[in-house]
Amino acid sequence: MRRLLPVTLWLALLITTPASADPGIRVHYQDDLLRVTLDGSFAGAYFQVWRSAEQLGAFDPLALQATLCTGDCFVTDSEVTPGKTYYYRFDLQLANGGLVSYGPYAVVVPDSPVGVNVSPNPSAGRARIDLSLPGSGRRDGAVEAQARLIDLQGRTVRVLYAGRLSRGTTSVPWDGRAEGGRALGAGIYFVRLDTPLGSSTTRLIRFH
């Protein structure tokens, strides 16, 4: 069942509800389809998502009717252009009758994939880890990111990078060792980069 949320309710909400910290969002872009998911549990709530091409511009609903949130509250948007920034706002009518509005969230549509490259690969000693994010450092902001070296069992062998990562390509030197400075044994490993813009994993082969 879906129902339309009156615009007047959201106007009243914006006037009467005190500001609070907004939850985060998760963004996934693949096959020209952008998916924006609101972090947190809002089961039983009805939600509607609005979009603007400008931070202070007019927001338009991506659907005329509100949708019941049975799990994740998310929207898929196919009318986006790679490299452009869009602003999304989530309006929710909670199961207890309360009203909340989150955002707007600035989302940069990737114009190149999130990527990881290791050089040399295979390697026996030191290597360079190249972490790539879509966009330009001159026009797009950095995002929180983590790059981990993991083994075949999915265990983290070493955190190679954690913190704000700029757009474009960032090179991270690696001394070829695991956590604590111990020598990394020969075998197959993976380097995984996780960011709000997406994730990427590449295989790393080590030999002695």
Protein backbone atom coordinates (compact mmCIF):
# COMPACT_ATOMS: atom_id res chain seq x y z
CA MET A 1 0.00 0.00 0.00
CA ARG A 2 1.24 3.46 -0.87
CA ARG A 3 -0.08 6.88 0.00
CA LEU A 4 0.72 10.44 -0.96
CA LEU A 5 2.32 12.54 1.75
CA PRO A 6 0.79 16.03 1.86
CA VAL A 7 3.26 18.80 1.12
CA THR A 8 1.82 20.85 3.99
CA LEU A 9 2.99 18.21 6.49
CA TRP A 10 6.57 18.59 5.32
CA LEU A 11 6.34 22.38 5.52
CA ALA A 12 5.15 22.08 9.11
CA LEU A 13 7.94 19.63 9.86
CA LEU A 14 10.63 21.98 8.61
CA ILE A 15 9.28 24.73 10.83
CA THR A 16 8.63 22.80 14.05
CA THR A 17 11.27 20.06 14.19
CA PRO A 18 14.63 21.02 15.77
CA ALA A 19 17.77 20.27 13.78
CA SER A 20 19.54 17.00 14.52
CA ALA A 21 22.35 15.00 13.01
CA ASP A 22 21.29 13.38 9.75
CA PRO A 23 22.09 9.71 9.12
CA GLY A 24 24.56 8.87 6.38
CA ILE A 25 23.84 7.50 2.94
CA ARG A 26 25.27 4.73 0.78
CA VAL A 27 25.71 5.27 -2.95
CA HIS A 28 26.02 2.64 -5.66
CA TYR A 29 26.33 3.38 -9.38
CA GLN A 30 26.29 0.68 -12.03
CA ASP A 31 24.92 0.35 -15.57
CA ASP A 32 23.88 4.03 -15.59
CA LEU A 33 21.65 3.49 -12.56
CA LEU A 34 22.32 5.42 -9.34
CA ARG A 35 21.05 3.98 -6.06
CA VAL A 36 21.03 6.15 -2.94
CA THR A 37 20.25 4.36 0.36
CA LEU A 38 19.55 6.03 3.69
CA ASP A 39 21.50 4.53 6.59
CA GLY A 40 19.49 3.26 9.55
CA SER A 41 16.36 1.22 10.25
CA PHE A 42 13.04 2.83 9.34
CA ALA A 43 10.81 -0.21 8.94
CA GLY A 44 7.15 0.74 8.74
CA ALA A 45 7.84 4.31 7.66
CA TYR A 46 6.59 5.87 4.45
CA PHE A 47 9.24 7.84 2.61
CA GLN A 48 9.54 10.10 -0.38
CA VAL A 49 12.76 11.23 -2.06
CA TRP A 50 13.28 14.62 -3.69
CA ARG A 51 16.07 15.68 -6.02
CA SER A 52 17.62 18.95 -7.15
CA ALA A 53 20.41 19.72 -9.60
CA GLU A 54 21.49 22.64 -7.40
CA GLN A 55 22.10 22.86 -3.67
CA LEU A 56 19.74 25.83 -3.29
CA GLY A 57 17.52 24.95 -6.24
CA ALA A 58 13.97 23.66 -6.34
CA PHE A 59 13.49 20.00 -5.36
CA ASP A 60 11.30 17.68 -7.42
CA PRO A 61 9.88 14.36 -6.20
CA LEU A 62 11.30 11.25 -7.84
CA ALA A 63 7.92 9.55 -7.31
CA LEU A 64 4.47 11.05 -6.88
CA GLN A 65 3.60 8.67 -4.06
CA ALA A 66 5.42 7.79 -0.87
CA THR A 67 6.79 4.26 -0.54
CA LEU A 68 6.54 1.94 2.45
CA CYS A 69 10.00 1.16 3.83
CA THR A 70 10.11 -2.60 4.50
CA GLY A 71 13.90 -2.71 4.79
CA ASP A 72 16.30 -0.15 3.38
CA CYS A 73 14.88 3.23 2.40
CA PHE A 74 16.42 3.82 -1.02
CA VAL A 75 15.81 5.40 -4.39
CA THR A 76 17.08 4.44 -7.84
CA ASP A 77 17.67 7.25 -10.30
CA SER A 78 18.31 6.60 -13.99
CA GLU A 79 18.10 10.25 -15.05
CA VAL A 80 21.62 11.22 -14.04
CA THR A 81 24.71 12.34 -15.91
CA PRO A 82 28.19 10.97 -15.03
CA GLY A 83 30.38 13.59 -13.39
CA LYS A 84 27.46 15.78 -12.23
CA THR A 85 26.40 16.47 -8.64
CA TYR A 86 22.79 15.98 -7.51
CA TYR A 87 21.16 16.73 -4.17
CA TYR A 88 18.75 14.26 -2.54
CA ARG A 89 16.36 14.79 0.37
CA PHE A 90 14.54 11.99 2.21
CA ASP A 91 11.18 12.86 3.82
CA LEU A 92 9.82 10.20 6.16
CA GLN A 93 6.53 9.68 7.98
CA LEU A 94 7.52 7.28 10.75
CA ALA A 95 5.45 4.35 11.98
CA ASN A 96 4.65 6.30 15.18
CA GLY A 97 3.30 9.22 13.16
CA GLY A 98 6.36 11.41 13.53
CA LEU A 99 7.79 13.33 10.59
CA VAL A 100 11.48 13.72 9.75
CA SER A 101 13.39 15.18 6.84
CA TYR A 102 17.02 14.25 6.09
CA GLY A 103 19.37 16.01 3.72
CA PRO A 104 19.92 17.37 1.25
CA TYR A 105 22.79 14.99 0.48
CA ALA A 106 25.23 15.90 -2.28
CA VAL A 107 25.93 12.90 -4.52
CA VAL A 108 28.52 13.00 -7.29
CA VAL A 109 27.68 10.55 -10.06
CA PRO A 110 30.91 8.65 -10.83
CA ASP A 111 32.43 9.39 -14.20
CA SER A 112 34.98 6.59 -13.85
CA PRO A 113 34.94 3.47 -11.70
CA VAL A 114 36.35 3.13 -8.22
CA GLY A 115 39.56 1.16 -8.74
CA VAL A 116 42.61 -0.47 -7.18
CA ASN A 117 45.88 -1.31 -8.91
CA VAL A 118 49.01 -2.96 -7.49
CA SER A 119 52.43 -2.54 -9.10
CA PRO A 120 54.43 -4.68 -9.48
CA ASN A 121 52.10 -7.64 -9.33
CA PRO A 122 53.20 -10.39 -8.71
CA SER A 123 55.81 -9.08 -6.31
CA ALA A 124 58.18 -10.31 -3.64
CA GLY A 125 58.99 -7.06 -1.88
CA ARG A 126 57.70 -3.50 -1.85
CA ALA A 127 54.80 -2.46 -4.06
CA ARG A 128 52.71 0.59 -4.91
CA ILE A 129 48.96 0.61 -4.34
CA ASP A 130 47.05 3.02 -6.60
CA LEU A 131 43.60 3.95 -5.29
CA SER A 132 41.29 5.64 -7.79
CA LEU A 133 38.08 7.60 -7.22
CA PRO A 134 35.86 9.17 -9.87
CA GLY A 135 35.83 12.93 -10.27
CA SER A 136 38.39 15.68 -10.01
CA GLY A 137 40.13 16.90 -6.89
CA ARG A 138 39.60 20.45 -8.08
CA ARG A 139 35.80 20.22 -8.23
CA ASP A 140 34.80 17.28 -5.99
CA GLY A 141 35.39 16.69 -2.30
CA ALA A 142 37.34 13.89 -0.68
CA VAL A 143 35.47 10.96 0.87
CA GLU A 144 36.14 8.54 3.71
CA ALA A 145 37.85 5.42 2.41
CA GLN A 146 39.58 2.29 3.61
CA ALA A 147 41.92 -0.01 1.69
CA ARG A 148 42.64 -3.41 3.23
CA LEU A 149 44.87 -6.34 2.37
CA ILE A 150 42.87 -9.52 2.97
CA ASP A 151 43.66 -13.23 2.66
CA LEU A 152 41.67 -16.00 0.95
CA GLN A 153 39.59 -16.47 4.11
CA GLY A 154 38.52 -12.81 4.05
CA ARG A 155 40.61 -11.86 7.09
CA THR A 156 42.25 -8.44 7.18
CA VAL A 157 46.02 -8.88 6.96
CA ARG A 158 46.79 -5.16 7.01
CA VAL A 159 44.98 -1.84 6.70
CA LEU A 160 46.80 -0.04 3.90
CA TYR A 161 44.83 3.20 4.00
CA ALA A 162 42.13 4.71 6.21
CA GLY A 163 40.87 8.28 6.09
CA ARG A 164 39.86 10.96 3.63
CA LEU A 165 40.73 10.06 0.04
CA SER A 166 40.88 12.66 -2.73
CA ARG A 167 39.31 12.24 -6.15
CA GLY A 168 41.53 10.94 -8.91
CA THR A 169 44.38 8.52 -8.17
CA THR A 170 46.30 8.37 -4.90
CA SER A 171 49.44 6.21 -4.66
CA VAL A 172 50.08 4.44 -1.37
CA PRO A 173 53.52 2.86 -0.79
CA TRP A 174 53.49 -0.58 0.80
CA ASP A 175 56.53 -2.22 2.35
CA GLY A 176 55.30 -5.74 1.55
CA ARG A 177 54.60 -6.60 5.18
CA ALA A 178 51.53 -7.58 7.16
CA GLU A 179 50.23 -5.92 10.33
CA GLY A 180 52.85 -5.57 13.04
CA GLY A 181 55.72 -5.67 10.55
CA ARG A 182 55.77 -9.45 10.11
CA ALA A 183 56.78 -10.87 6.76
CA LEU A 184 53.88 -11.68 4.47
CA GLY A 185 53.96 -15.27 3.27
CA ALA A 186 53.75 -16.30 -0.36
CA GLY A 187 50.26 -16.81 -1.75
CA ILE A 188 47.21 -15.08 -3.17
CA TYR A 189 45.75 -12.04 -1.43
CA PHE A 190 43.32 -9.28 -2.29
CA VAL A 191 43.38 -5.52 -1.92
CA ARG A 192 39.90 -4.11 -1.29
CA LEU A 193 38.95 -0.43 -1.42
CA ASP A 194 35.68 0.59 0.26
CA THR A 195 34.19 4.08 -0.18
CA PRO A 196 30.72 5.67 -0.15
CA LEU A 197 31.04 5.80 -3.96
CA GLY A 198 31.48 2.06 -4.29
CA SER A 199 34.03 -0.69 -3.74
CA SER A 200 36.74 -2.38 -5.77
CA THR A 201 38.89 -5.45 -5.22
CA THR A 202 42.02 -6.62 -7.05
CA ARG A 203 44.09 -9.78 -6.67
CA LEU A 204 47.65 -9.61 -5.33
CA ILE A 205 50.13 -12.46 -5.82
CA ARG A 206 53.09 -12.73 -3.45
CA PHE A 207 56.13 -14.95 -3.92
CA HIS A 208 59.54 -15.33 -2.27
